[in-house]
Amino acid sequence: MLNEFWATASTTYKTLVLSAMGLIAVGIILNIVGNTSQNQGLALASLPVIGLGLALHVTGIVVRGQQIRKGLKK
């Protein structure tokens, strides 16, 4: 099931999902580094990066939902 889902997904969806995962991972790493080194600026700077990753993830869900709806109408 998962292989079919990913195989039928568009390039736009795949790009959004992988970008979102990358941004969230970078944000989490920045947050951990900022908090362990007591660098509040770095810790706070990581939050918009995580937020952008979450926004891209939601956009990917919307794109995939639209593609599925179009496929069901056919």
C-alpha atoms as a PDB file:
ATOM      1  CA  MET A   1       0.000   0.000   0.000  1.00  0.00           C
ATOM      2  CA  LEU A   2       2.716   2.501   0.919  1.00  0.00           C
ATOM      3  CA  ASN A   3       4.729   1.731  -2.205  1.00  0.00           C
ATOM      4  CA  GLU A   4       1.672   2.329  -4.387  1.00  0.00           C
ATOM      5  CA  PHE A   5       0.885   5.586  -2.600  1.00  0.00           C
ATOM      6  CA  TRP A   6       4.388   6.965  -3.119  1.00  0.00           C
ATOM      7  CA  ALA A   7       4.627   5.591  -6.656  1.00  0.00           C
ATOM      8  CA  THR A   8       1.420   7.314  -7.731  1.00  0.00           C
ATOM      9  CA  ALA A   9       2.272  10.630  -6.071  1.00  0.00           C
ATOM     10  CA  SER A  10       3.233  13.591  -8.229  1.00  0.00           C
ATOM     11  CA  THR A  11       6.662  15.157  -8.298  1.00  0.00           C
ATOM     12  CA  THR A  12       5.219  18.287  -6.692  1.00  0.00           C
ATOM     13  CA  TYR A  13       3.941  16.296  -3.719  1.00  0.00           C
ATOM     14  CA  LYS A  14       7.207  14.402  -3.319  1.00  0.00           C
ATOM     15  CA  THR A  15       9.196  17.638  -3.439  1.00  0.00           C
ATOM     16  CA  LEU A  16       6.963  19.275  -0.830  1.00  0.00           C
ATOM     17  CA  VAL A  17       7.132  16.312   1.527  1.00  0.00           C
ATOM     18  CA  LEU A  18      10.893  15.846   1.290  1.00  0.00           C
ATOM     19  CA  SER A  19      11.515  19.593   1.656  1.00  0.00           C
ATOM     20  CA  ALA A  20       9.231  19.698   4.683  1.00  0.00           C
ATOM     21  CA  MET A  21      11.013  16.779   6.325  1.00  0.00           C
ATOM     22  CA  GLY A  22      14.399  18.365   5.637  1.00  0.00           C
ATOM     23  CA  LEU A  23      13.403  21.748   7.073  1.00  0.00           C
ATOM     24  CA  ILE A  24      11.865  20.165  10.162  1.00  0.00           C
ATOM     25  CA  ALA A  25      15.014  18.080  10.710  1.00  0.00           C
ATOM     26  CA  VAL A  26      17.299  21.112  10.307  1.00  0.00           C
ATOM     27  CA  GLY A  27      15.091  23.106  12.671  1.00  0.00           C
ATOM     28  CA  ILE A  28      15.174  20.405  15.317  1.00  0.00           C
ATOM     29  CA  ILE A  29      18.954  20.084  15.035  1.00  0.00           C
ATOM     30  CA  LEU A  30      19.352  23.875  15.320  1.00  0.00           C
ATOM     31  CA  ASN A  31      17.072  23.871  18.343  1.00  0.00           C
ATOM     32  CA  ILE A  32      19.014  21.116  20.081  1.00  0.00           C
ATOM     33  CA  VAL A  33      22.352  22.777  19.355  1.00  0.00           C
ATOM     34  CA  GLY A  34      21.034  26.154  20.489  1.00  0.00           C
ATOM     35  CA  ASN A  35      19.643  24.807  23.725  1.00  0.00           C
ATOM     36  CA  THR A  36      22.642  22.651  24.622  1.00  0.00           C
ATOM     37  CA  SER A  37      25.061  25.529  23.972  1.00  0.00           C
ATOM     38  CA  GLN A  38      22.847  27.992  25.872  1.00  0.00           C
ATOM     39  CA  ASN A  39      22.486  30.067  22.669  1.00  0.00           C
ATOM     40  CA  GLN A  40      18.966  31.531  22.871  1.00  0.00           C
ATOM     41  CA  GLY A  41      19.299  33.267  19.496  1.00  0.00           C
ATOM     42  CA  LEU A  42      19.944  30.001  17.695  1.00  0.00           C
ATOM     43  CA  ALA A  43      17.183  28.234  19.591  1.00  0.00           C
ATOM     44  CA  LEU A  44      14.692  30.943  18.677  1.00  0.00           C
ATOM     45  CA  ALA A  45      15.893  31.077  15.064  1.00  0.00           C
ATOM     46  CA  SER A  46      15.104  27.383  14.701  1.00  0.00           C
ATOM     47  CA  LEU A  47      11.399  27.906  15.357  1.00  0.00           C
ATOM     48  CA  PRO A  48      10.574  29.634  12.041  1.00  0.00           C
ATOM     49  CA  VAL A  49      12.492  26.887  10.215  1.00  0.00           C
ATOM     50  CA  ILE A  50      10.351  24.244  11.898  1.00  0.00           C
ATOM     51  CA  GLY A  51       7.233  26.320  11.206  1.00  0.00           C
ATOM     52  CA  LEU A  52       8.094  26.592   7.513  1.00  0.00           C
ATOM     53  CA  GLY A  53       8.588  22.827   7.383  1.00  0.00           C
ATOM     54  CA  LEU A  54       5.173  22.292   8.952  1.00  0.00           C
ATOM     55  CA  ALA A  55       3.581  24.741   6.508  1.00  0.00           C
ATOM     56  CA  LEU A  56       5.129  22.869   3.590  1.00  0.00           C
ATOM     57  CA  HIS A  57       3.850  19.609   5.021  1.00  0.00           C
ATOM     58  CA  VAL A  58       0.292  20.961   5.219  1.00  0.00           C
ATOM     59  CA  THR A  59       0.618  22.283   1.664  1.00  0.00           C
ATOM     60  CA  GLY A  60       1.687  18.810   0.562  1.00  0.00           C
ATOM     61  CA  ILE A  61      -1.380  17.304   2.209  1.00  0.00           C
ATOM     62  CA  VAL A  62      -3.596  19.778   0.350  1.00  0.00           C
ATOM     63  CA  VAL A  63      -1.890  19.030  -2.975  1.00  0.00           C
ATOM     64  CA  ARG A  64      -2.221  15.286  -2.485  1.00  0.00           C
ATOM     65  CA  GLY A  65      -5.872  15.642  -1.455  1.00  0.00           C
ATOM     66  CA  GLN A  66      -6.640  17.589  -4.613  1.00  0.00           C
ATOM     67  CA  GLN A  67      -4.926  14.949  -6.723  1.00  0.00           C
ATOM     68  CA  ILE A  68      -6.905  12.175  -5.067  1.00  0.00           C
ATOM     69  CA  ARG A  69     -10.190  14.059  -5.565  1.00  0.00           C
ATOM     70  CA  LYS A  70      -9.404  14.566  -9.252  1.00  0.00           C
ATOM     71  CA  GLY A  71      -8.600  10.866  -9.573  1.00  0.00           C
ATOM     72  CA  LEU A  72     -11.896   9.850  -7.952  1.00  0.00           C
ATOM     73  CA  LYS A  73     -13.920  12.036 -10.309  1.00  0.00           C
ATOM     74  CA  LYS A  74     -12.534  10.250 -13.376  1.00  0.00           C
END
